[in-house]
Amino acid sequence: MSFKIGVGKSDFADIRKAGLYYVDKSQLIYELVGENDNEVTLFTRPRRFGKTLMMSMMENFFDIKKDSRKLFEGLKIAEREDFCENWMNQYPVVSLSFKDVDGSDYDTAFKKLKAVMADLCKKMEDLGNERAVNPFDREIFLRLQAKTADIEEVQNALKTIMRMLNAVYGKQVILLIDEYDVPLAKAGERDEQGSGYYAQMLDVIKGIMSAALKDNEYLKFAVVTGCLRIAKESIFTGTNNFSSYSVLDDEFSGYFGFTEEEVKCMLAAAGREEKADIIREWYDGYVFGDNLLYCPWDVINYLSALKKNESAKPKNYWKNTSHNGILLSFVEKTDFPVSEKFEKLMNGETVTQVISDELTYDTLHSSEDNLWSVLLMTGYVTKTDGDREGDSVCLKIPNREIAAIFQDTVITYFNDNLDDAEQKNLMKALWDGDADTASRLFSDLLWQTISYNDYHEDYYHAFLAGIFVGRGYEVESNKETGLGRPDILLFDRPNRRAIIIEAKKSKKKDDMGKDCEEALKQIEAQQYAAGLEGYETIRCFGVSFFRKQALVKC
């Protein structure tokens, strides 16, 4: 593979200077500025969908302190010569990210925020020496740089810096804020009852946004990115000419993520066209507005792996970039049922839910609709490729990668939280040879779990193994013994007893009894107990499953 690709690179200039493969999204700049007149634009997308690289591209295009002509050579935006003449490197730019503003409490997070402002000032260190700058602004700038500014000065920091830039260049300033909602997301996660962490952080971020975006004479326009649109009344109150574009909106929908054609061109450049189907199965399926998109992070990581090893298997790259706490918080809720809906999703079906794209992090868990909205906005589910009916959206799991995250997170939770008393009673029934009680308890436990793979045999096999593992017994699955391999072997060595289970998936309910008998005959014919010399008690069971019903015979 001759082409070069950069994993984890989000600096536009570095990518272009290094000659790395770049999927051209530069047309967004013209659509944003040449065809729209938004004073403040908010883009919300899941993590790892190219927001930071997009912001870096815009910074390089507009920043008056740069000469970016070579960086944009050959890209679509360069074809618009008049537009580039008027806009490329013509305005002062303030660009920053809140992605690292995190902490176990408010004080720690506020220190991180001060560090972000200090780093921004250090990038513009020469600004403090400009004679055109107001002396009082210079003093605040130095305090911001030294991390000694008070809360009011931090809240007004962006406006102060923009006023200084305006004084030096005589032009309004373009403001780019990446991951604006991270401080509030982290505060929402960690805010203990009565701690005030979220309320304090909301007040700070709201103050920063209000000073920078509301009636700011030094602002040319602003672009803000994040995962969720926080309700305007909560954080963007009074912001003029404000436009927000989420995964539900058609405008700009093709700029975050890779389209089918873009991936096709990428595979051709990499000489890996034969991988198209598997990449589509694993990493495609996100529907943003009217576009069907791949996750860029996954495609780039997999192509990088293929560059080193042409036989590399696809992996779950996305789960390591975003914790799965939202899924756990969802299934842990007891005030609204979600297991049946998750089960439908994991079996390739859809669910229809009321969705809101205006939320607040302190009320995410207050309703089922809010939680479904978060799953959609953060990429765990996507809308189907069809029309939206009012506030109701038809949702699905986008691809195999996200399905695996659901299986790992959701199924593990339900299995780990099965009724312990019922599991103990089930073990007693099996050791006692009480098939009727075992049938009832198996069925009860099936109802408590999430089924997937449309009740395939491997689902039932995993269900059985999950029940027995961790109960203090040695469990072997499909281990060869006698003339074949029983589905489950369970050993209680101290008491010299063992259980053999052969399981069948029945095609219909009326077949369950017959299938149990067939399973028992298989245990005998294949001599599964032949290798268990020394065990005084050996219980043999035939178990048949039909959907969420079980029948046990011995």
Protein backbone atom coordinates (compact mmCIF):
# COMPACT_ATOMS: atom_id res chain seq x y z
CA MET A 1 0.00 0.00 0.00
CA SER A 2 1.65 3.23 -1.15
CA PHE A 3 -0.76 5.74 0.31
CA LYS A 4 -0.16 7.27 3.77
CA ILE A 5 -2.79 7.65 6.41
CA GLY A 6 -2.64 9.22 9.86
CA VAL A 7 -4.42 7.63 12.82
CA GLY A 8 -5.47 10.08 15.51
CA LYS A 9 -4.33 13.17 13.60
CA SER A 10 -6.72 16.09 13.81
CA ASP A 11 -4.41 18.98 12.82
CA PHE A 12 -5.27 19.98 9.26
CA ALA A 13 -1.91 21.61 8.54
CA ASP A 14 0.05 18.58 9.77
CA ILE A 15 -2.02 16.22 7.62
CA ARG A 16 -1.59 18.31 4.48
CA LYS A 17 2.13 19.00 5.00
CA ALA A 18 2.84 15.31 5.62
CA GLY A 19 1.04 14.31 2.42
CA LEU A 20 -1.41 12.08 4.30
CA TYR A 21 -4.63 10.95 2.64
CA TYR A 22 -7.28 13.61 3.24
CA VAL A 23 -10.99 13.31 2.57
CA ASP A 24 -11.86 16.72 1.17
CA LYS A 25 -14.50 18.43 3.31
CA SER A 26 -13.39 21.98 2.48
CA GLN A 27 -16.64 22.82 0.67
CA LEU A 28 -18.22 23.21 4.12
CA ILE A 29 -16.39 26.54 4.44
CA TYR A 30 -18.17 28.01 1.44
CA GLU A 31 -21.53 26.57 2.43
CA LEU A 32 -21.09 27.96 5.95
CA VAL A 33 -19.96 31.47 5.00
CA GLY A 34 -20.80 31.97 1.33
CA GLU A 35 -24.32 30.57 1.42
CA ASN A 36 -25.32 31.33 5.02
CA ASP A 37 -25.10 34.33 7.30
CA ASN A 38 -25.22 32.70 10.73
CA GLU A 39 -23.60 34.68 13.50
CA VAL A 40 -23.33 31.54 15.65
CA THR A 41 -23.40 28.00 14.23
CA LEU A 42 -23.53 24.91 16.44
CA PHE A 43 -22.68 21.49 15.00
CA THR A 44 -23.50 18.48 17.19
CA ARG A 45 -22.17 15.05 16.24
CA PRO A 46 -20.96 11.92 18.03
CA ARG A 47 -17.32 11.72 19.03
CA ARG A 48 -14.81 10.64 16.38
CA PHE A 49 -16.78 12.02 13.45
CA GLY A 50 -14.27 14.67 12.39
CA LYS A 51 -15.40 17.75 14.33
CA THR A 52 -11.93 18.68 15.59
CA LEU A 53 -10.28 18.24 12.16
CA MET A 54 -13.04 20.38 10.65
CA MET A 55 -12.37 23.15 13.17
CA SER A 56 -8.63 22.94 12.46
CA MET A 57 -9.34 23.25 8.73
CA MET A 58 -11.42 26.39 9.34
CA GLU A 59 -8.75 27.91 11.58
CA ASN A 60 -6.11 27.43 8.88
CA PHE A 61 -8.38 28.84 6.20
CA PHE A 62 -9.42 32.04 7.98
CA ASP A 63 -6.49 32.93 10.28
CA ILE A 64 -4.88 36.21 9.27
CA LYS A 65 -1.56 35.15 10.82
CA LYS A 66 -1.18 32.20 8.42
CA ASP A 67 -0.51 31.75 4.71
CA SER A 68 -2.58 28.69 3.82
CA ARG A 69 -2.64 28.76 0.03
CA LYS A 70 -0.47 25.64 -0.35
CA LEU A 71 -2.48 23.74 2.27
CA PHE A 72 -5.69 24.16 0.26
CA GLU A 73 -4.22 23.57 -3.20
CA GLY A 74 -6.19 20.90 -5.03
CA LEU A 75 -9.13 21.03 -2.61
CA LYS A 76 -12.65 21.97 -3.68
CA ILE A 77 -12.67 25.30 -1.86
CA ALA A 78 -9.63 26.47 -3.90
CA GLU A 79 -11.80 26.35 -7.04
CA ARG A 80 -13.77 29.30 -5.64
CA GLU A 81 -11.05 31.87 -6.32
CA ASP A 82 -13.06 35.01 -5.53
CA PHE A 83 -14.28 33.56 -2.27
CA CYS A 84 -10.74 32.55 -1.24
CA GLU A 85 -9.47 36.01 -2.15
CA ASN A 86 -11.98 37.60 0.21
CA TRP A 87 -11.79 35.13 3.06
CA MET A 88 -8.60 33.05 3.13
CA ASN A 89 -6.25 34.34 5.87
CA GLN A 90 -8.22 37.57 6.12
CA TYR A 91 -9.47 37.52 9.72
CA PRO A 92 -8.06 37.09 13.21
CA VAL A 93 -9.16 33.77 14.70
CA VAL A 94 -9.57 32.53 18.26
CA SER A 95 -9.66 28.74 18.39
CA LEU A 96 -9.85 26.59 21.51
CA SER A 97 -11.23 23.29 22.80
CA PHE A 98 -12.90 22.41 26.09
CA LYS A 99 -12.25 18.66 25.67
CA ASP A 100 -9.86 18.53 28.66
CA VAL A 101 -12.01 20.52 31.10
CA ASP A 102 -12.74 17.67 33.49
CA GLY A 103 -12.44 17.01 37.19
CA SER A 104 -13.87 15.05 40.07
CA ASP A 105 -15.23 18.31 41.51
CA TYR A 106 -15.90 21.87 40.44
CA ASP A 107 -12.65 23.36 41.76
CA THR A 108 -10.53 20.85 39.84
CA ALA A 109 -12.51 21.37 36.64
CA PHE A 110 -12.29 25.17 36.98
CA LYS A 111 -8.51 24.92 37.27
CA LYS A 112 -8.51 22.93 34.03
CA LEU A 113 -10.61 25.66 32.41
CA LYS A 114 -8.12 28.31 33.56
CA ALA A 115 -5.34 26.18 32.06
CA VAL A 116 -7.16 26.13 28.70
CA MET A 117 -7.42 29.93 28.76
CA ALA A 118 -3.75 30.21 29.77
CA ASP A 119 -2.67 28.00 26.86
CA LEU A 120 -4.75 30.12 24.49
CA CYS A 121 -2.97 33.27 25.71
CA LYS A 122 0.44 31.61 25.39
CA LYS A 123 -0.35 30.82 21.73
CA MET A 124 -0.95 34.57 21.30
CA GLU A 125 1.85 35.75 23.57
CA ASP A 126 2.88 38.56 21.22
CA LEU A 127 -0.62 40.03 21.51
CA GLY A 128 0.19 41.26 25.01
CA ASN A 129 3.06 43.37 23.65
CA GLU A 130 1.05 45.15 20.96
CA ARG A 131 0.90 48.91 21.52
CA ALA A 132 -2.64 49.15 20.16
CA VAL A 133 -3.94 46.97 23.01
CA ASN A 134 -5.74 48.63 25.91
CA PRO A 135 -3.47 48.57 29.01
CA PHE A 136 -6.26 47.18 31.22
CA ASP A 137 -6.88 44.36 28.72
CA ARG A 138 -3.13 43.66 28.72
CA GLU A 139 -3.16 43.23 32.51
CA ILE A 140 -6.11 40.80 32.34
CA PHE A 141 -4.37 38.94 29.50
CA LEU A 142 -1.25 38.49 31.64
CA ARG A 143 -3.34 37.23 34.59
CA LEU A 144 -5.12 34.76 32.30
CA GLN A 145 -1.73 33.59 31.04
CA ALA A 146 -0.45 33.18 34.61
CA LYS A 147 -3.66 31.39 35.73
CA THR A 148 -4.30 34.05 38.39
CA ALA A 149 -7.42 35.57 36.78
CA ASP A 150 -10.62 35.62 38.84
CA ILE A 151 -13.85 33.96 37.74
CA GLU A 152 -15.26 37.13 36.15
CA GLU A 153 -12.10 37.58 34.08
CA VAL A 154 -12.24 33.92 32.99
CA GLN A 155 -15.86 34.31 31.93
CA ASN A 156 -14.95 37.38 29.88
CA ALA A 157 -11.63 35.96 28.63
CA LEU A 158 -12.70 35.27 25.05
CA LYS A 159 -14.27 38.69 24.63
CA THR A 160 -11.18 40.33 26.11
CA ILE A 161 -8.88 38.51 23.68
CA MET A 162 -11.21 39.31 20.76
CA ARG A 163 -11.18 43.01 21.72
CA MET A 164 -7.38 42.94 21.76
CA LEU A 165 -7.23 41.27 18.32
CA ASN A 166 -9.72 43.80 16.96
CA ALA A 167 -7.52 46.64 18.24
CA VAL A 168 -4.44 45.19 16.51
CA TYR A 169 -5.94 44.11 13.18
CA GLY A 170 -8.89 46.48 12.85
CA LYS A 171 -11.15 43.53 11.95
CA GLN A 172 -13.81 41.48 13.65
CA VAL A 173 -12.74 38.09 14.99
CA ILE A 174 -13.82 34.56 14.03
CA LEU A 175 -14.35 32.36 17.11
CA LEU A 176 -14.05 28.53 17.01
CA ILE A 177 -14.99 26.53 20.13
CA ASP A 178 -14.59 22.75 19.94
CA GLU A 179 -16.25 20.28 22.38
CA TYR A 180 -18.07 23.07 24.17
CA ASP A 181 -20.25 20.71 26.20
CA VAL A 182 -17.53 18.46 27.70
CA PRO A 183 -17.28 20.46 30.97
CA LEU A 184 -21.03 20.13 31.47
CA ALA A 185 -21.10 16.45 30.48
CA LYS A 186 -18.37 15.67 33.01
CA ALA A 187 -20.04 17.78 35.69
CA GLY A 188 -23.35 16.02 35.04
CA GLU A 189 -21.70 12.62 35.46
CA ARG A 190 -19.93 13.49 38.68
CA ASP A 191 -22.37 15.85 40.36
CA GLU A 192 -23.40 14.22 43.60
CA GLN A 193 -26.69 15.17 45.16
CA GLY A 194 -26.35 18.66 46.58
CA SER A 195 -22.71 19.20 45.56
CA GLY A 196 -23.55 22.04 43.18
CA TYR A 197 -20.83 20.97 40.70
CA TYR A 198 -23.11 21.07 37.67
CA ALA A 199 -24.81 24.34 38.59
CA GLN A 200 -21.45 26.05 39.16
CA MET A 201 -19.97 24.79 35.89
CA LEU A 202 -23.12 25.73 33.98
CA ASP A 203 -22.84 29.26 35.36
CA VAL A 204 -19.21 29.55 34.22
CA ILE A 205 -19.75 28.15 30.72
CA LYS A 206 -22.91 30.18 30.26
CA GLY A 207 -20.96 33.29 31.25
CA ILE A 208 -18.20 32.54 28.73
CA MET A 209 -20.69 31.91 25.95
CA SER A 210 -22.80 34.94 26.77
CA ALA A 211 -19.84 37.33 26.83
CA ALA A 212 -18.36 35.95 23.61
CA LEU A 213 -21.52 35.38 21.55
CA LYS A 214 -24.20 37.80 22.74
CA ASP A 215 -24.07 41.36 21.36
CA ASN A 216 -20.29 41.13 20.90
CA GLU A 217 -19.24 43.89 18.49
CA TYR A 218 -15.88 42.19 17.94
CA LEU A 219 -17.40 38.92 16.69
CA LYS A 220 -17.46 38.22 12.92
CA PHE A 221 -19.05 34.82 13.43
CA ALA A 222 -18.62 31.77 15.66
CA VAL A 223 -18.64 28.02 15.07
CA VAL A 224 -19.21 25.74 18.05
CA THR A 225 -19.11 21.93 18.17
CA GLY A 226 -20.18 19.32 20.71
CA CYS A 227 -22.08 16.07 21.17
CA LEU A 228 -25.36 17.51 22.41
CA ARG A 229 -27.23 20.71 21.83
CA ILE A 230 -27.79 22.07 25.30
CA ALA A 231 -31.10 23.90 25.44
CA LYS A 232 -30.67 27.47 24.24
CA GLU A 233 -32.42 28.80 27.31
CA SER A 234 -29.82 27.04 29.43
CA ILE A 235 -26.61 28.27 27.83
CA PHE A 236 -27.14 30.30 24.64
CA THR A 237 -29.77 32.70 26.02
CA GLY A 238 -30.03 35.86 23.96
CA THR A 239 -27.53 34.72 21.32
CA ASN A 240 -28.36 36.44 18.03
CA ASN A 241 -28.75 34.69 14.67
CA PHE A 242 -28.13 31.27 16.25
CA SER A 243 -28.37 28.13 14.09
CA SER A 244 -27.93 24.54 15.27
CA TYR A 245 -27.40 21.46 13.11
CA SER A 246 -27.71 18.00 14.66
CA VAL A 247 -27.74 14.48 13.22
CA LEU A 248 -31.43 15.05 12.40
CA ASP A 249 -30.83 18.02 10.09
CA ASP A 250 -30.20 17.81 6.34
CA GLU A 251 -27.98 20.90 6.06
CA PHE A 252 -24.25 20.12 6.41
CA SER A 253 -25.17 16.45 7.00
CA GLY A 254 -22.53 15.06 4.64
CA TYR A 255 -19.55 16.90 6.13
CA PHE A 256 -19.12 14.88 9.32
CA GLY A 257 -18.36 11.25 8.49
CA PHE A 258 -17.37 9.54 5.24
CA THR A 259 -19.86 8.96 2.42
CA GLU A 260 -20.00 5.74 0.40
CA GLU A 261 -18.22 7.42 -2.51
CA GLU A 262 -15.49 8.83 -0.25
CA VAL A 263 -14.81 5.40 1.23
CA LYS A 264 -14.81 3.85 -2.25
CA CYS A 265 -12.14 6.35 -3.38
CA MET A 266 -10.14 5.75 -0.22
CA LEU A 267 -10.15 1.98 -0.72
CA ALA A 268 -9.07 2.44 -4.33
CA ALA A 269 -6.15 4.63 -3.23
CA ALA A 270 -5.22 2.03 -0.64
CA GLY A 271 -5.59 -0.88 -3.06
CA ARG A 272 -8.08 -2.56 -0.75
CA GLU A 273 -11.31 -2.49 -2.77
CA GLU A 274 -12.03 -6.11 -1.75
CA LYS A 275 -12.60 -4.90 1.83
CA ALA A 276 -15.59 -2.72 0.88
CA ASP A 277 -18.28 -5.12 2.10
CA ILE A 278 -16.70 -5.83 5.48
CA ILE A 279 -16.01 -2.13 6.13
CA ARG A 280 -19.64 -1.37 5.26
CA GLU A 281 -20.89 -4.10 7.61
CA TRP A 282 -18.77 -2.91 10.53
CA TYR A 283 -18.51 0.88 10.22
CA ASP A 284 -21.28 2.22 7.94
CA GLY A 285 -24.95 2.78 8.71
CA TYR A 286 -25.12 6.20 10.40
CA VAL A 287 -27.90 8.34 8.95
CA PHE A 288 -27.27 12.06 9.44
CA GLY A 289 -29.92 14.19 7.80
CA ASP A 290 -30.28 12.72 4.31
CA ASN A 291 -26.79 11.15 4.17
CA LEU A 292 -25.68 7.60 4.94
CA LEU A 293 -22.23 7.78 6.54
CA TYR A 294 -19.30 5.76 7.85
CA CYS A 295 -17.48 6.56 11.10
CA PRO A 296 -14.16 8.14 9.95
CA TRP A 297 -12.22 7.02 13.02
CA ASP A 298 -13.02 3.37 12.37
CA VAL A 299 -12.31 3.46 8.65
CA ILE A 300 -8.93 5.13 9.16
CA ASN A 301 -7.94 2.74 11.94
CA TYR A 302 -8.89 -0.33 9.93
CA LEU A 303 -7.10 0.89 6.80
CA SER A 304 -4.04 1.56 8.95
CA ALA A 305 -4.22 -2.01 10.24
CA LEU A 306 -4.57 -3.32 6.67
CA LYS A 307 -1.48 -1.34 5.66
CA LYS A 308 0.52 -3.41 8.16
CA ASN A 309 -1.31 -6.68 7.61
CA GLU A 310 -3.52 -7.28 4.57
CA SER A 311 -5.34 -10.05 6.49
CA ALA A 312 -6.19 -7.85 9.49
CA LYS A 313 -9.67 -8.44 10.90
CA PRO A 314 -12.00 -5.53 11.67
CA LYS A 315 -12.02 -4.47 15.32
CA ASN A 316 -14.15 -2.36 17.59
CA TYR A 317 -12.17 0.89 17.56
CA TRP A 318 -14.99 3.21 18.60
CA LYS A 319 -15.69 1.71 22.02
CA ASN A 320 -12.24 2.69 23.28
CA THR A 321 -12.82 6.37 22.51
CA SER A 322 -16.09 6.90 24.36
CA HIS A 323 -17.09 5.25 27.60
CA ASN A 324 -20.33 3.31 27.63
CA GLY A 325 -21.74 4.80 30.80
CA ILE A 326 -24.82 6.14 29.04
CA LEU A 327 -25.86 2.60 28.10
CA LEU A 328 -25.41 1.38 31.66
CA SER A 329 -27.26 4.36 33.10
CA PHE A 330 -30.10 3.56 30.71
CA VAL A 331 -30.53 -0.12 31.57
CA GLU A 332 -30.07 0.55 35.28
CA LYS A 333 -33.17 2.73 35.31
CA THR A 334 -36.12 1.00 36.94
CA ASP A 335 -38.80 3.65 36.40
CA PHE A 336 -39.19 2.88 32.69
CA PRO A 337 -38.81 -0.49 30.93
CA VAL A 338 -36.21 -0.68 28.18
CA SER A 339 -35.17 -4.33 27.99
CA GLU A 340 -37.75 -5.25 25.33
CA LYS A 341 -36.71 -2.31 23.15
CA PHE A 342 -33.03 -3.14 23.49
CA GLU A 343 -33.85 -6.71 22.57
CA LYS A 344 -35.56 -5.56 19.37
CA LEU A 345 -32.63 -3.36 18.42
CA MET A 346 -30.11 -6.13 19.01
CA ASN A 347 -32.09 -8.46 16.76
CA GLY A 348 -31.98 -5.98 13.87
CA GLU A 349 -35.41 -4.43 14.44
CA THR A 350 -36.31 -0.79 15.00
CA VAL A 351 -37.99 1.19 17.76
CA THR A 352 -39.82 4.49 17.43
CA GLN A 353 -39.18 7.13 20.09
CA VAL A 354 -39.86 10.80 20.72
CA ILE A 355 -36.54 12.62 20.26
CA SER A 356 -35.45 16.03 21.45
CA ASP A 357 -32.27 17.69 20.20
CA GLU A 358 -32.35 20.26 22.99
CA LEU A 359 -31.28 18.78 26.33
CA THR A 360 -29.56 19.68 29.57
CA TYR A 361 -27.01 17.41 31.20
CA ASP A 362 -28.67 17.65 34.60
CA THR A 363 -31.96 16.25 33.25
CA LEU A 364 -30.67 13.53 30.90
CA HIS A 365 -31.98 10.77 33.14
CA SER A 366 -35.32 12.39 33.94
CA SER A 367 -37.23 10.66 31.15
CA GLU A 368 -36.95 7.76 28.75
CA ASP A 369 -37.27 10.15 25.79
CA ASN A 370 -34.23 12.09 26.99
CA LEU A 371 -32.12 8.96 27.22
CA TRP A 372 -33.09 7.78 23.74
CA SER A 373 -32.23 11.27 22.50
CA VAL A 374 -28.76 10.99 24.03
CA LEU A 375 -28.21 7.54 22.49
CA LEU A 376 -29.07 9.01 19.08
CA MET A 377 -26.92 12.13 19.44
CA THR A 378 -23.92 10.18 20.73
CA GLY A 379 -24.01 7.53 17.99
CA TYR A 380 -25.23 4.41 19.81
CA VAL A 381 -28.33 4.36 17.62
CA THR A 382 -29.15 6.10 14.37
CA LYS A 383 -32.34 7.03 12.62
CA THR A 384 -33.60 4.87 9.78
CA ASP A 385 -33.31 6.24 6.27
CA GLY A 386 -36.80 7.67 6.07
CA ASP A 387 -39.00 10.62 6.90
CA ARG A 388 -39.34 11.83 10.46
CA GLU A 389 -42.85 12.03 11.83
CA GLY A 390 -43.02 15.06 14.10
CA ASP A 391 -40.83 14.45 17.15
CA SER A 392 -40.93 10.66 16.68
CA VAL A 393 -37.91 9.02 15.08
CA CYS A 394 -37.48 5.40 14.02
CA LEU A 395 -34.19 4.15 15.50
CA LYS A 396 -31.84 1.24 14.82
CA ILE A 397 -28.33 0.08 15.69
CA PRO A 398 -26.15 1.34 12.82
CA ASN A 399 -23.65 -1.47 12.30
CA ARG A 400 -21.89 -4.54 13.64
CA GLU A 401 -19.42 -2.52 15.71
CA ILE A 402 -22.13 -0.79 17.75
CA ALA A 403 -24.08 -4.05 18.03
CA ALA A 404 -21.02 -5.55 19.70
CA ILE A 405 -20.91 -2.66 22.19
CA PHE A 406 -24.57 -3.31 23.02
CA GLN A 407 -23.83 -6.99 23.54
CA ASP A 408 -20.80 -6.32 25.71
CA THR A 409 -22.49 -3.66 27.82
CA VAL A 410 -26.18 -4.46 27.93
CA ILE A 411 -26.10 -8.26 27.97
CA THR A 412 -23.31 -8.31 30.53
CA TYR A 413 -25.34 -6.03 32.78
CA PHE A 414 -28.49 -8.14 32.59
CA ASN A 415 -26.55 -11.38 33.09
CA ASP A 416 -24.67 -9.91 36.04
CA ASN A 417 -27.93 -8.79 37.61
CA LEU A 418 -30.00 -11.95 37.24
CA ASP A 419 -31.96 -12.87 40.34
CA ASP A 420 -29.33 -14.54 42.54
CA ALA A 421 -31.91 -16.43 44.57
CA GLU A 422 -33.43 -17.93 41.43
CA GLN A 423 -29.99 -18.98 40.21
CA LYS A 424 -29.30 -20.73 43.54
CA ASN A 425 -32.69 -22.45 43.40
CA LEU A 426 -31.97 -23.54 39.84
CA MET A 427 -28.70 -25.16 40.89
CA LYS A 428 -30.47 -26.98 43.73
CA ALA A 429 -33.17 -28.22 41.33
CA LEU A 430 -30.55 -29.55 38.93
CA TRP A 431 -28.57 -31.33 41.64
CA ASP A 432 -31.84 -32.78 43.00
CA GLY A 433 -32.92 -33.92 39.52
CA ASP A 434 -36.09 -31.79 39.75
CA ALA A 435 -36.73 -31.19 36.04
CA ASP A 436 -40.08 -29.39 36.49
CA THR A 437 -38.62 -26.76 38.84
CA ALA A 438 -35.56 -26.38 36.61
CA SER A 439 -37.83 -25.76 33.60
CA ARG A 440 -39.70 -23.00 35.40
CA LEU A 441 -36.54 -21.32 36.71
CA PHE A 442 -34.75 -21.47 33.35
CA SER A 443 -37.79 -19.78 31.78
CA ASP A 444 -37.90 -17.13 34.53
CA LEU A 445 -34.22 -16.30 33.98
CA LEU A 446 -34.71 -16.14 30.21
CA TRP A 447 -37.34 -13.46 30.72
CA GLN A 448 -34.84 -11.39 32.74
CA THR A 449 -32.15 -11.45 30.04
CA ILE A 450 -31.70 -9.64 26.75
CA SER A 451 -31.85 -12.02 23.79
CA TYR A 452 -29.92 -11.39 20.62
CA ASN A 453 -29.08 -13.17 17.33
CA ASP A 454 -32.81 -13.84 16.98
CA TYR A 455 -32.71 -16.76 19.42
CA HIS A 456 -29.98 -18.63 17.57
CA GLU A 457 -28.43 -21.64 19.26
CA ASP A 458 -25.33 -19.67 20.23
CA TYR A 459 -27.55 -17.29 22.23
CA TYR A 460 -28.89 -20.15 24.33
CA HIS A 461 -25.43 -21.62 24.70
CA ALA A 462 -24.11 -18.27 26.01
CA PHE A 463 -27.14 -18.03 28.30
CA LEU A 464 -26.40 -21.43 29.86
CA ALA A 465 -22.70 -20.73 30.27
CA GLY A 466 -23.45 -17.33 31.85
CA ILE A 467 -25.77 -18.86 34.46
CA PHE A 468 -23.22 -21.40 35.66
CA VAL A 469 -20.00 -19.39 35.52
CA GLY A 470 -19.11 -17.85 38.85
CA ARG A 471 -21.32 -20.16 40.91
CA GLY A 472 -18.37 -21.93 42.51
CA TYR A 473 -18.27 -24.82 40.05
CA GLU A 474 -15.92 -25.76 37.23
CA VAL A 475 -17.71 -25.21 33.92
CA GLU A 476 -16.63 -26.60 30.56
CA SER A 477 -18.38 -25.83 27.31
CA ASN A 478 -18.25 -28.09 24.23
CA LYS A 479 -15.25 -29.98 25.58
CA GLU A 480 -14.71 -33.34 23.92
CA THR A 481 -15.62 -36.28 26.16
CA GLY A 482 -16.70 -39.82 25.29
CA LEU A 483 -17.51 -39.85 21.57
CA GLY A 484 -18.50 -36.21 21.26
CA ARG A 485 -18.88 -32.80 22.87
CA PRO A 486 -21.73 -32.00 25.31
CA ASP A 487 -22.91 -28.42 25.42
CA ILE A 488 -22.26 -27.95 29.15
CA LEU A 489 -20.23 -29.95 31.68
CA LEU A 490 -20.42 -28.76 35.26
CA PHE A 491 -18.21 -30.23 38.00
CA ASP A 492 -18.56 -30.10 41.78
CA ARG A 493 -15.25 -31.82 42.54
CA PRO A 494 -15.32 -31.58 46.36
CA ASN A 495 -18.66 -33.46 46.41
CA ARG A 496 -17.74 -35.76 43.49
CA ARG A 497 -20.78 -34.87 41.38
CA ALA A 498 -21.26 -33.56 37.85
CA ILE A 499 -23.96 -32.28 35.50
CA ILE A 500 -24.15 -32.89 31.75
CA ILE A 501 -26.47 -30.69 29.67
CA GLU A 502 -27.29 -31.07 25.99
CA ALA A 503 -29.39 -28.19 24.66
CA LYS A 504 -31.64 -27.94 21.61
CA LYS A 505 -33.35 -25.00 19.93
CA SER A 506 -36.90 -26.02 19.02
CA LYS A 507 -38.53 -24.77 15.82
CA LYS A 508 -41.92 -24.58 17.52
CA LYS A 509 -43.31 -24.93 21.03
CA ASP A 510 -44.87 -28.33 20.35
CA ASP A 511 -41.43 -29.76 19.51
CA MET A 512 -39.87 -28.99 22.89
CA GLY A 513 -40.66 -32.34 24.53
CA LYS A 514 -39.42 -34.32 21.53
CA ASP A 515 -36.22 -32.24 21.36
CA CYS A 516 -35.51 -32.87 25.06
CA GLU A 517 -35.80 -36.62 24.50
CA GLU A 518 -33.50 -36.35 21.49
CA ALA A 519 -30.93 -34.48 23.60
CA LEU A 520 -31.02 -37.20 26.28
CA LYS A 521 -30.58 -39.91 23.63
CA GLN A 522 -27.57 -37.98 22.28
CA ILE A 523 -25.95 -37.91 25.74
CA GLU A 524 -26.35 -41.67 26.00
CA ALA A 525 -25.38 -42.51 22.41
CA GLN A 526 -22.28 -40.33 22.46
CA GLN A 527 -21.26 -41.66 25.90
CA TYR A 528 -20.72 -38.17 27.31
CA ALA A 529 -20.42 -39.59 30.84
CA ALA A 530 -17.70 -42.07 29.84
CA GLY A 531 -14.83 -39.80 30.87
CA LEU A 532 -16.23 -38.95 34.29
CA GLU A 533 -14.91 -41.88 36.32
CA GLY A 534 -14.78 -41.23 40.04
CA TYR A 535 -17.86 -39.01 40.19
CA GLU A 536 -20.52 -40.57 42.43
CA THR A 537 -23.42 -38.51 41.09
CA ILE A 538 -23.82 -37.60 37.41
CA ARG A 539 -27.00 -35.78 36.41
CA CYS A 540 -27.86 -35.74 32.68
CA PHE A 541 -30.34 -33.21 31.30
CA GLY A 542 -31.87 -32.55 27.93
CA VAL A 543 -32.94 -28.91 27.65
CA SER A 544 -34.99 -27.47 24.82
CA PHE A 545 -35.57 -23.77 24.17
CA PHE A 546 -38.26 -22.00 22.22
CA ARG A 547 -37.90 -18.21 22.35
CA LYS A 548 -38.07 -17.40 26.08
CA GLN A 549 -39.38 -20.74 27.23
CA ALA A 550 -37.34 -23.69 28.47
CA LEU A 551 -38.20 -27.35 29.07
CA VAL A 552 -35.92 -29.67 31.05
CA LYS A 553 -35.99 -33.46 31.12
CA CYS A 554 -33.66 -35.90 32.86
